[in-house]
Amino acid sequence: MDSSELLTSQGYIKHHLTHLTFGYLPEKGFGFAHSAAEAKAMGFWAVHVDTLFFSILLGVLFLWFFKRVADRVTTGVPDPVQNFVESLLDFVEENVRGSFRGRNPLIAPLALTIFVWVFLMNLMDLVPVDLLPWLFQHFMGWFGVDPHEVFLRVVPTADPNATFGLSIGVFFLILYYSLKIKGIRGFWAELAYHPFGKLGLPFNLVLETVNLLAKPLSLSLRLFGNLYAGEMIFILIALMYSGGGWMMSLAGGGLQFIWALFHILVILLQAFIFMVLTIVYLDMAHQEAH
């Protein structure tokens, strides 16, 4: 949205933090939200179309790129692209070997997928905050849609729906392998008798259940919180370009550059943490003695 069309800084921030939302309104039926209030009124079952679009797009891009490299792999001197992919594979395999003590051919591919996919979704935070929303507004303007009604957020991991979706998928794998490796009795014993034995059953059950549920919560909220904060800071810096004169714009440019450099570390670190914690949690699920 053009800054000239915004009345207040609060309106600018609110617009940039509203998703392209599809859902149901009693008075209008199914459709896209035309305001932040409508998006909120659609409730839990509304769909954040922008989150789905960018996450799927980046996932397809990741698969296409690795498939293309695999089709052109050579046993001779690798080109820079193949060398990069092989280094990435070695990095992931090294982390799996260091954190996973069981034997499961799924863990390394899963770790690679999580690391690259989460990194690519995080990387969208470095795209200028107004660029893609501005292009999308002009695209929708061709269909006569009011720019004030066009919303777009481009960082999937700044949406708790995406991060909880990832963590719940990991949580189901934890439950599946816990039951498969330990059996129902073994899994129940882990929840009911650890760490204080049979005499502490009620306390053990509460403690271990909280510990189990904390795993998807910690995975999702850590990733969401860091990326949401990064997105918010970029939005606040972007406000310095509107109506503050050339000195304020120059200061905003400097701050944006410094924050982008720092945020590269956040983007990498959060993808790495999500991958490593997934490996560790699945390792715990595979340990019968745990």
C-alpha atoms as a PDB file:
ATOM      1  CA  MET A   1       0.000   0.000   0.000  1.00  0.00           C
ATOM      2  CA  ASP A   2       1.279   3.467  -0.847  1.00  0.00           C
ATOM      3  CA  SER A   3       2.177   5.391   2.287  1.00  0.00           C
ATOM      4  CA  SER A   4       0.222   8.392   0.971  1.00  0.00           C
ATOM      5  CA  GLU A   5      -2.980   6.361   1.173  1.00  0.00           C
ATOM      6  CA  LEU A   6      -2.493   5.574   4.827  1.00  0.00           C
ATOM      7  CA  LEU A   7      -3.893   7.881   7.459  1.00  0.00           C
ATOM      8  CA  THR A   8      -1.818   6.767  10.404  1.00  0.00           C
ATOM      9  CA  SER A   9       1.215   4.702  11.319  1.00  0.00           C
ATOM     10  CA  GLN A  10      -1.128   2.428  13.241  1.00  0.00           C
ATOM     11  CA  GLY A  11      -3.135   1.810  10.056  1.00  0.00           C
ATOM     12  CA  TYR A  12       0.051   0.997   8.145  1.00  0.00           C
ATOM     13  CA  ILE A  13       1.173  -1.539  10.748  1.00  0.00           C
ATOM     14  CA  LYS A  14      -2.290  -3.087  11.047  1.00  0.00           C
ATOM     15  CA  HIS A  15      -2.538  -3.477   7.288  1.00  0.00           C
ATOM     16  CA  HIS A  16       0.851  -5.195   7.060  1.00  0.00           C
ATOM     17  CA  LEU A  17      -0.032  -7.582   9.893  1.00  0.00           C
ATOM     18  CA  THR A  18      -3.348  -8.688   8.318  1.00  0.00           C
ATOM     19  CA  HIS A  19      -3.335 -11.894   6.288  1.00  0.00           C
ATOM     20  CA  LEU A  20      -5.010 -12.497   2.957  1.00  0.00           C
ATOM     21  CA  THR A  21      -7.852 -14.368   4.649  1.00  0.00           C
ATOM     22  CA  PHE A  22     -10.570 -16.562   3.152  1.00  0.00           C
ATOM     23  CA  GLY A  23     -13.457 -17.647   5.314  1.00  0.00           C
ATOM     24  CA  TYR A  24     -17.143 -17.410   6.157  1.00  0.00           C
ATOM     25  CA  LEU A  25     -19.117 -14.389   7.346  1.00  0.00           C
ATOM     26  CA  PRO A  26     -22.807 -14.879   8.248  1.00  0.00           C
ATOM     27  CA  GLU A  27     -23.881 -11.717   6.407  1.00  0.00           C
ATOM     28  CA  LYS A  28     -21.736 -12.284   3.289  1.00  0.00           C
ATOM     29  CA  GLY A  29     -21.068 -16.015   3.062  1.00  0.00           C
ATOM     30  CA  PHE A  30     -17.700 -17.384   1.910  1.00  0.00           C
ATOM     31  CA  GLY A  31     -15.148 -14.950   0.535  1.00  0.00           C
ATOM     32  CA  PHE A  32     -12.012 -12.926   1.214  1.00  0.00           C
ATOM     33  CA  ALA A  33     -11.837 -10.523   4.144  1.00  0.00           C
ATOM     34  CA  HIS A  34     -11.974  -6.853   3.106  1.00  0.00           C
ATOM     35  CA  SER A  35     -10.709  -5.539   6.434  1.00  0.00           C
ATOM     36  CA  ALA A  36      -8.822  -6.629   9.511  1.00  0.00           C
ATOM     37  CA  ALA A  37     -12.140  -6.716  11.406  1.00  0.00           C
ATOM     38  CA  GLU A  38     -13.644  -9.122   8.856  1.00  0.00           C
ATOM     39  CA  ALA A  39     -10.560 -11.323   8.981  1.00  0.00           C
ATOM     40  CA  LYS A  40     -10.899 -11.523  12.767  1.00  0.00           C
ATOM     41  CA  ALA A  41     -14.636 -12.201  12.559  1.00  0.00           C
ATOM     42  CA  MET A  42     -14.044 -15.220  10.305  1.00  0.00           C
ATOM     43  CA  GLY A  43     -12.645 -17.013  13.328  1.00  0.00           C
ATOM     44  CA  PHE A  44     -10.591 -20.160  13.736  1.00  0.00           C
ATOM     45  CA  TRP A  45     -11.621 -21.916  10.517  1.00  0.00           C
ATOM     46  CA  ALA A  46     -10.542 -19.087   8.221  1.00  0.00           C
ATOM     47  CA  VAL A  47      -7.670 -19.844   5.831  1.00  0.00           C
ATOM     48  CA  HIS A  48      -4.603 -17.642   5.522  1.00  0.00           C
ATOM     49  CA  VAL A  49      -4.172 -17.923   1.775  1.00  0.00           C
ATOM     50  CA  ASP A  50      -0.877 -16.013   1.694  1.00  0.00           C
ATOM     51  CA  THR A  51       0.725 -18.349   4.264  1.00  0.00           C
ATOM     52  CA  LEU A  52      -0.383 -21.424   2.318  1.00  0.00           C
ATOM     53  CA  PHE A  53       0.697 -19.969  -1.026  1.00  0.00           C
ATOM     54  CA  PHE A  54       4.217 -18.937  -0.009  1.00  0.00           C
ATOM     55  CA  SER A  55       4.927 -22.033   2.086  1.00  0.00           C
ATOM     56  CA  ILE A  56       3.830 -24.378  -0.731  1.00  0.00           C
ATOM     57  CA  LEU A  57       5.673 -22.304  -3.339  1.00  0.00           C
ATOM     58  CA  LEU A  58       8.908 -22.419  -1.345  1.00  0.00           C
ATOM     59  CA  GLY A  59       8.476 -26.155  -0.699  1.00  0.00           C
ATOM     60  CA  VAL A  60       8.040 -26.819  -4.424  1.00  0.00           C
ATOM     61  CA  LEU A  61      11.060 -24.620  -5.182  1.00  0.00           C
ATOM     62  CA  PHE A  62      13.143 -26.610  -2.685  1.00  0.00           C
ATOM     63  CA  LEU A  63      12.088 -29.954  -4.210  1.00  0.00           C
ATOM     64  CA  TRP A  64      12.646 -28.738  -7.775  1.00  0.00           C
ATOM     65  CA  PHE A  65      16.117 -27.405  -6.994  1.00  0.00           C
ATOM     66  CA  PHE A  66      17.321 -30.577  -5.242  1.00  0.00           C
ATOM     67  CA  LYS A  67      15.789 -32.807  -7.934  1.00  0.00           C
ATOM     68  CA  ARG A  68      17.545 -30.777 -10.614  1.00  0.00           C
ATOM     69  CA  VAL A  69      20.893 -31.100  -8.842  1.00  0.00           C
ATOM     70  CA  ALA A  70      20.342 -34.848  -8.305  1.00  0.00           C
ATOM     71  CA  ASP A  71      19.611 -35.356 -12.011  1.00  0.00           C
ATOM     72  CA  ARG A  72      22.873 -33.610 -12.957  1.00  0.00           C
ATOM     73  CA  VAL A  73      25.123 -35.082 -10.281  1.00  0.00           C
ATOM     74  CA  THR A  74      28.566 -36.180 -11.419  1.00  0.00           C
ATOM     75  CA  THR A  75      31.261 -38.327  -9.833  1.00  0.00           C
ATOM     76  CA  GLY A  76      33.970 -36.032 -11.175  1.00  0.00           C
ATOM     77  CA  VAL A  77      34.779 -32.535 -10.022  1.00  0.00           C
ATOM     78  CA  PRO A  78      31.449 -31.083  -8.849  1.00  0.00           C
ATOM     79  CA  ASP A  79      30.247 -27.688  -9.993  1.00  0.00           C
ATOM     80  CA  PRO A  80      29.575 -25.018  -7.320  1.00  0.00           C
ATOM     81  CA  VAL A  81      25.865 -25.886  -7.074  1.00  0.00           C
ATOM     82  CA  GLN A  82      26.493 -29.598  -6.555  1.00  0.00           C
ATOM     83  CA  ASN A  83      29.265 -28.792  -4.108  1.00  0.00           C
ATOM     84  CA  PHE A  84      26.873 -26.571  -2.121  1.00  0.00           C
ATOM     85  CA  VAL A  85      24.178 -29.267  -1.969  1.00  0.00           C
ATOM     86  CA  GLU A  86      26.681 -31.950  -0.964  1.00  0.00           C
ATOM     87  CA  SER A  87      28.032 -29.694   1.791  1.00  0.00           C
ATOM     88  CA  LEU A  88      24.485 -29.126   3.028  1.00  0.00           C
ATOM     89  CA  LEU A  89      23.795 -32.868   3.030  1.00  0.00           C
ATOM     90  CA  ASP A  90      27.016 -33.509   4.970  1.00  0.00           C
ATOM     91  CA  PHE A  91      26.034 -30.815   7.481  1.00  0.00           C
ATOM     92  CA  VAL A  92      22.605 -32.378   8.092  1.00  0.00           C
ATOM     93  CA  GLU A  93      23.974 -35.936   8.273  1.00  0.00           C
ATOM     94  CA  GLU A  94      26.603 -34.838  10.778  1.00  0.00           C
ATOM     95  CA  ASN A  95      23.902 -33.374  13.028  1.00  0.00           C
ATOM     96  CA  VAL A  96      21.803 -36.525  12.710  1.00  0.00           C
ATOM     97  CA  ARG A  97      24.752 -38.758  13.595  1.00  0.00           C
ATOM     98  CA  GLY A  98      25.554 -36.569  16.591  1.00  0.00           C
ATOM     99  CA  SER A  99      22.025 -36.373  17.998  1.00  0.00           C
ATOM    100  CA  PHE A 100      20.186 -39.524  16.869  1.00  0.00           C
ATOM    101  CA  ARG A 101      21.281 -42.865  18.319  1.00  0.00           C
ATOM    102  CA  GLY A 102      18.678 -45.098  16.690  1.00  0.00           C
ATOM    103  CA  ARG A 103      18.385 -46.461  13.174  1.00  0.00           C
ATOM    104  CA  ASN A 104      15.699 -44.851  11.024  1.00  0.00           C
ATOM    105  CA  PRO A 105      16.135 -43.902   7.344  1.00  0.00           C
ATOM    106  CA  LEU A 106      13.446 -41.216   7.694  1.00  0.00           C
ATOM    107  CA  ILE A 107      15.340 -38.962  10.111  1.00  0.00           C
ATOM    108  CA  ALA A 108      18.021 -37.529   7.792  1.00  0.00           C
ATOM    109  CA  PRO A 109      15.613 -36.663   4.921  1.00  0.00           C
ATOM    110  CA  LEU A 110      13.183 -35.197   7.451  1.00  0.00           C
ATOM    111  CA  ALA A 111      15.945 -33.092   9.036  1.00  0.00           C
ATOM    112  CA  LEU A 112      17.077 -31.843   5.618  1.00  0.00           C
ATOM    113  CA  THR A 113      13.517 -30.943   4.617  1.00  0.00           C
ATOM    114  CA  ILE A 114      12.866 -29.096   7.866  1.00  0.00           C
ATOM    115  CA  PHE A 115      16.115 -27.136   7.744  1.00  0.00           C
ATOM    116  CA  VAL A 116      15.857 -26.014   4.108  1.00  0.00           C
ATOM    117  CA  TRP A 117      12.104 -25.394   4.094  1.00  0.00           C
ATOM    118  CA  VAL A 118      12.088 -23.422   7.353  1.00  0.00           C
ATOM    119  CA  PHE A 119      15.135 -21.460   6.195  1.00  0.00           C
ATOM    120  CA  LEU A 120      13.440 -20.515   2.908  1.00  0.00           C
ATOM    121  CA  MET A 121      10.263 -19.441   4.706  1.00  0.00           C
ATOM    122  CA  ASN A 122      12.341 -17.393   7.161  1.00  0.00           C
ATOM    123  CA  LEU A 123      14.288 -15.876   4.275  1.00  0.00           C
ATOM    124  CA  MET A 124      11.131 -14.165   3.018  1.00  0.00           C
ATOM    125  CA  ASP A 125      11.567 -11.775   5.948  1.00  0.00           C
ATOM    126  CA  LEU A 126      14.438 -10.144   4.042  1.00  0.00           C
ATOM    127  CA  VAL A 127      12.173  -9.172   1.123  1.00  0.00           C
ATOM    128  CA  PRO A 128      11.326  -5.435   1.440  1.00  0.00           C
ATOM    129  CA  VAL A 129       8.099  -5.248   3.438  1.00  0.00           C
ATOM    130  CA  ASP A 130       6.237  -3.129   0.867  1.00  0.00           C
ATOM    131  CA  LEU A 131       7.460  -4.754  -2.349  1.00  0.00           C
ATOM    132  CA  LEU A 132       5.297  -7.861  -2.753  1.00  0.00           C
ATOM    133  CA  PRO A 133       2.183  -6.314  -1.115  1.00  0.00           C
ATOM    134  CA  TRP A 134       2.521  -3.317  -3.479  1.00  0.00           C
ATOM    135  CA  LEU A 135       2.827  -5.581  -6.533  1.00  0.00           C
ATOM    136  CA  PHE A 136      -0.130  -7.664  -5.370  1.00  0.00           C
ATOM    137  CA  GLN A 137      -2.255  -4.563  -4.801  1.00  0.00           C
ATOM    138  CA  HIS A 138      -1.584  -3.356  -8.345  1.00  0.00           C
ATOM    139  CA  PHE A 139      -2.326  -6.822  -9.706  1.00  0.00           C
ATOM    140  CA  MET A 140      -5.672  -6.907  -7.873  1.00  0.00           C
ATOM    141  CA  GLY A 141      -6.323  -3.306  -8.910  1.00  0.00           C
ATOM    142  CA  TRP A 142      -6.661  -4.522 -12.492  1.00  0.00           C
ATOM    143  CA  PHE A 143      -9.805  -6.346 -11.299  1.00  0.00           C
ATOM    144  CA  GLY A 144     -11.207  -3.202  -9.678  1.00  0.00           C
ATOM    145  CA  VAL A 145     -10.338  -4.161  -6.092  1.00  0.00           C
ATOM    146  CA  ASP A 146      -9.732  -1.323  -3.639  1.00  0.00           C
ATOM    147  CA  PRO A 147      -6.020  -1.386  -2.557  1.00  0.00           C
ATOM    148  CA  HIS A 148      -7.132  -0.836   1.042  1.00  0.00           C
ATOM    149  CA  GLU A 149      -8.862  -4.228   0.884  1.00  0.00           C
ATOM    150  CA  VAL A 150      -5.796  -6.110  -0.416  1.00  0.00           C
ATOM    151  CA  PHE A 151      -3.727  -7.837   2.276  1.00  0.00           C
ATOM    152  CA  LEU A 152      -0.585  -9.917   1.887  1.00  0.00           C
ATOM    153  CA  ARG A 153       1.941 -11.260   4.380  1.00  0.00           C
ATOM    154  CA  VAL A 154       4.892 -13.036   2.814  1.00  0.00           C
ATOM    155  CA  VAL A 155       6.648 -14.679   5.802  1.00  0.00           C
ATOM    156  CA  PRO A 156       4.906 -18.014   6.497  1.00  0.00           C
ATOM    157  CA  THR A 157       6.810 -18.612   9.735  1.00  0.00           C
ATOM    158  CA  ALA A 158       5.540 -15.295  11.143  1.00  0.00           C
ATOM    159  CA  ASP A 159       2.108 -16.959  11.158  1.00  0.00           C
ATOM    160  CA  PRO A 160       1.505 -19.275  14.162  1.00  0.00           C
ATOM    161  CA  ASN A 161      -0.722 -21.451  11.971  1.00  0.00           C
ATOM    162  CA  ALA A 162       2.327 -22.441   9.902  1.00  0.00           C
ATOM    163  CA  THR A 163       4.681 -22.988  12.831  1.00  0.00           C
ATOM    164  CA  PHE A 164       2.083 -24.976  14.777  1.00  0.00           C
ATOM    165  CA  GLY A 165       1.395 -27.026  11.649  1.00  0.00           C
ATOM    166  CA  LEU A 166       5.077 -27.940  11.422  1.00  0.00           C
ATOM    167  CA  SER A 167       5.400 -28.708  15.131  1.00  0.00           C
ATOM    168  CA  ILE A 168       2.187 -30.774  15.248  1.00  0.00           C
ATOM    169  CA  GLY A 169       3.520 -32.867  12.365  1.00  0.00           C
ATOM    170  CA  VAL A 170       6.681 -33.518  14.399  1.00  0.00           C
ATOM    171  CA  PHE A 171       4.523 -34.245  17.475  1.00  0.00           C
ATOM    172  CA  PHE A 172       2.581 -36.948  15.617  1.00  0.00           C
ATOM    173  CA  LEU A 173       5.883 -38.539  14.593  1.00  0.00           C
ATOM    174  CA  ILE A 174       7.008 -38.486  18.235  1.00  0.00           C
ATOM    175  CA  LEU A 175       3.803 -40.273  19.282  1.00  0.00           C
ATOM    176  CA  TYR A 176       4.016 -42.758  16.409  1.00  0.00           C
ATOM    177  CA  TYR A 177       7.602 -43.824  17.085  1.00  0.00           C
ATOM    178  CA  SER A 178       7.105 -43.800  20.862  1.00  0.00           C
ATOM    179  CA  LEU A 179       4.271 -46.311  20.446  1.00  0.00           C
ATOM    180  CA  LYS A 180       6.030 -48.289  17.716  1.00  0.00           C
ATOM    181  CA  ILE A 181       9.354 -48.680  19.533  1.00  0.00           C
ATOM    182  CA  LYS A 182       8.157 -48.905  23.144  1.00  0.00           C
ATOM    183  CA  GLY A 183       4.696 -50.334  22.672  1.00  0.00           C
ATOM    184  CA  ILE A 184       1.584 -49.146  24.477  1.00  0.00           C
ATOM    185  CA  ARG A 185       2.770 -50.549  27.829  1.00  0.00           C
ATOM    186  CA  GLY A 186       6.234 -49.063  27.485  1.00  0.00           C
ATOM    187  CA  PHE A 187       4.884 -45.649  26.494  1.00  0.00           C
ATOM    188  CA  TRP A 188       2.420 -45.719  29.392  1.00  0.00           C
ATOM    189  CA  ALA A 189       5.200 -46.704  31.795  1.00  0.00           C
ATOM    190  CA  GLU A 190       7.273 -43.780  30.566  1.00  0.00           C
ATOM    191  CA  LEU A 191       4.412 -41.377  31.270  1.00  0.00           C
ATOM    192  CA  ALA A 192       3.232 -42.919  34.540  1.00  0.00           C
ATOM    193  CA  TYR A 193       6.402 -44.115  36.283  1.00  0.00           C
ATOM    194  CA  HIS A 194       9.110 -41.656  35.217  1.00  0.00           C
ATOM    195  CA  PRO A 195      10.917 -40.133  37.057  1.00  0.00           C
ATOM    196  CA  PHE A 196       9.659 -41.092  40.573  1.00  0.00           C
ATOM    197  CA  GLY A 197       8.491 -44.672  40.092  1.00  0.00           C
ATOM    198  CA  LYS A 198       5.080 -46.202  40.796  1.00  0.00           C
ATOM    199  CA  LEU A 199       4.541 -44.356  44.068  1.00  0.00           C
ATOM    200  CA  GLY A 200       4.617 -41.015  42.274  1.00  0.00           C
ATOM    201  CA  LEU A 201       2.175 -42.036  39.519  1.00  0.00           C
ATOM    202  CA  PRO A 202      -0.180 -39.010  39.578  1.00  0.00           C
ATOM    203  CA  PHE A 203       2.696 -36.550  39.759  1.00  0.00           C
ATOM    204  CA  ASN A 204       4.676 -38.474  37.128  1.00  0.00           C
ATOM    205  CA  LEU A 205       1.708 -38.509  34.764  1.00  0.00           C
ATOM    206  CA  VAL A 206       1.134 -34.764  35.050  1.00  0.00           C
ATOM    207  CA  LEU A 207       4.840 -33.974  34.758  1.00  0.00           C
ATOM    208  CA  GLU A 208       5.487 -36.208  31.740  1.00  0.00           C
ATOM    209  CA  THR A 209       2.282 -35.135  29.969  1.00  0.00           C
ATOM    210  CA  VAL A 210       3.248 -31.478  30.347  1.00  0.00           C
ATOM    211  CA  ASN A 211       6.754 -32.350  29.131  1.00  0.00           C
ATOM    212  CA  LEU A 212       5.314 -34.146  26.108  1.00  0.00           C
ATOM    213  CA  LEU A 213       2.941 -31.317  25.166  1.00  0.00           C
ATOM    214  CA  ALA A 214       5.653 -28.711  25.697  1.00  0.00           C
ATOM    215  CA  LYS A 215       7.633 -30.102  22.765  1.00  0.00           C
ATOM    216  CA  PRO A 216       5.329 -28.911  19.935  1.00  0.00           C
ATOM    217  CA  LEU A 217       4.581 -25.706  21.852  1.00  0.00           C
ATOM    218  CA  SER A 218       8.251 -24.824  22.250  1.00  0.00           C
ATOM    219  CA  LEU A 219       9.034 -25.679  18.625  1.00  0.00           C
ATOM    220  CA  SER A 220       6.234 -23.556  17.208  1.00  0.00           C
ATOM    221  CA  LEU A 221       6.304 -20.563  19.547  1.00  0.00           C
ATOM    222  CA  ARG A 222      10.079 -20.120  19.394  1.00  0.00           C
ATOM    223  CA  LEU A 223      10.064 -19.997  15.601  1.00  0.00           C
ATOM    224  CA  PHE A 224       6.950 -17.832  15.386  1.00  0.00           C
ATOM    225  CA  GLY A 225       8.098 -15.369  18.051  1.00  0.00           C
ATOM    226  CA  ASN A 226      11.476 -14.706  16.478  1.00  0.00           C
ATOM    227  CA  LEU A 227      10.163 -14.276  12.940  1.00  0.00           C
ATOM    228  CA  TYR A 228       7.166 -12.189  13.996  1.00  0.00           C
ATOM    229  CA  ALA A 229       9.482  -9.876  15.924  1.00  0.00           C
ATOM    230  CA  GLY A 230      11.798  -9.591  12.928  1.00  0.00           C
ATOM    231  CA  GLU A 231       8.889  -8.799  10.607  1.00  0.00           C
ATOM    232  CA  MET A 232       7.567  -6.209  13.055  1.00  0.00           C
ATOM    233  CA  ILE A 233      10.934  -4.441  13.274  1.00  0.00           C
ATOM    234  CA  PHE A 234      11.183  -4.225   9.477  1.00  0.00           C
ATOM    235  CA  ILE A 235       7.678  -2.708   9.385  1.00  0.00           C
ATOM    236  CA  LEU A 236       8.595  -0.140  12.039  1.00  0.00           C
ATOM    237  CA  ILE A 237      11.771   0.802  10.170  1.00  0.00           C
ATOM    238  CA  ALA A 238       9.738   1.196   6.966  1.00  0.00           C
ATOM    239  CA  LEU A 239       7.631   3.847   8.726  1.00  0.00           C
ATOM    240  CA  MET A 240      10.721   6.078   8.829  1.00  0.00           C
ATOM    241  CA  TYR A 241      10.512   6.528   5.041  1.00  0.00           C
ATOM    242  CA  SER A 242       7.070   8.157   5.126  1.00  0.00           C
ATOM    243  CA  GLY A 243       6.884  11.828   5.927  1.00  0.00           C
ATOM    244  CA  GLY A 244      10.115  12.069   7.923  1.00  0.00           C
ATOM    245  CA  GLY A 245      12.327  13.897   5.438  1.00  0.00           C
ATOM    246  CA  TRP A 246      15.542  12.767   3.808  1.00  0.00           C
ATOM    247  CA  MET A 247      17.472  12.527   7.081  1.00  0.00           C
ATOM    248  CA  MET A 248      14.914  10.139   8.561  1.00  0.00           C
ATOM    249  CA  SER A 249      14.853   8.116   5.335  1.00  0.00           C
ATOM    250  CA  LEU A 250      18.652   7.882   5.357  1.00  0.00           C
ATOM    251  CA  ALA A 251      18.623   6.740   8.985  1.00  0.00           C
ATOM    252  CA  GLY A 252      15.921   4.207   8.127  1.00  0.00           C
ATOM    253  CA  GLY A 253      18.023   2.829   5.298  1.00  0.00           C
ATOM    254  CA  GLY A 254      20.998   2.391   7.614  1.00  0.00           C
ATOM    255  CA  LEU A 255      18.910   0.697  10.291  1.00  0.00           C
ATOM    256  CA  GLN A 256      17.298  -1.566   7.723  1.00  0.00           C
ATOM    257  CA  PHE A 257      20.702  -2.680   6.432  1.00  0.00           C
ATOM    258  CA  ILE A 258      22.070  -3.341   9.930  1.00  0.00           C
ATOM    259  CA  TRP A 259      18.948  -5.226  11.019  1.00  0.00           C
ATOM    260  CA  ALA A 260      18.957  -7.297   7.797  1.00  0.00           C
ATOM    261  CA  LEU A 261      22.553  -8.387   8.446  1.00  0.00           C
ATOM    262  CA  PHE A 262      21.716  -9.362  12.022  1.00  0.00           C
ATOM    263  CA  HIS A 263      18.481 -11.034  10.957  1.00  0.00           C
ATOM    264  CA  ILE A 264      20.368 -13.371   8.599  1.00  0.00           C
ATOM    265  CA  LEU A 265      21.797 -14.994  11.737  1.00  0.00           C
ATOM    266  CA  VAL A 266      18.302 -15.265  13.252  1.00  0.00           C
ATOM    267  CA  ILE A 267      16.948 -16.864  10.073  1.00  0.00           C
ATOM    268  CA  LEU A 268      19.716 -19.484   9.981  1.00  0.00           C
ATOM    269  CA  LEU A 269      19.681 -20.115  13.716  1.00  0.00           C
ATOM    270  CA  GLN A 270      15.924 -20.666  13.941  1.00  0.00           C
ATOM    271  CA  ALA A 271      15.961 -23.159  11.053  1.00  0.00           C
ATOM    272  CA  PHE A 272      18.889 -24.973  12.691  1.00  0.00           C
ATOM    273  CA  ILE A 273      17.220 -25.054  16.126  1.00  0.00           C
ATOM    274  CA  PHE A 274      13.964 -26.416  14.703  1.00  0.00           C
ATOM    275  CA  MET A 275      15.903 -29.160  12.897  1.00  0.00           C
ATOM    276  CA  VAL A 276      18.078 -30.128  15.875  1.00  0.00           C
ATOM    277  CA  LEU A 277      15.191 -30.199  18.356  1.00  0.00           C
ATOM    278  CA  THR A 278      13.200 -32.387  15.954  1.00  0.00           C
ATOM    279  CA  ILE A 279      16.119 -34.833  15.774  1.00  0.00           C
ATOM    280  CA  VAL A 280      16.526 -34.832  19.579  1.00  0.00           C
ATOM    281  CA  TYR A 281      12.805 -35.349  20.242  1.00  0.00           C
ATOM    282  CA  LEU A 282      12.638 -38.230  17.768  1.00  0.00           C
ATOM    283  CA  ASP A 283      15.771 -39.740  19.307  1.00  0.00           C
ATOM    284  CA  MET A 284      14.046 -39.693  22.705  1.00  0.00           C
ATOM    285  CA  ALA A 285      11.011 -41.384  21.138  1.00  0.00           C
ATOM    286  CA  HIS A 286      13.275 -44.188  19.841  1.00  0.00           C
ATOM    287  CA  GLN A 287      14.962 -44.871  23.201  1.00  0.00           C
ATOM    288  CA  GLU A 288      13.222 -47.749  25.014  1.00  0.00           C
ATOM    289  CA  ALA A 289      15.069 -47.015  28.247  1.00  0.00           C
ATOM    290  CA  HIS A 290      14.006 -43.346  28.314  1.00  0.00           C
END
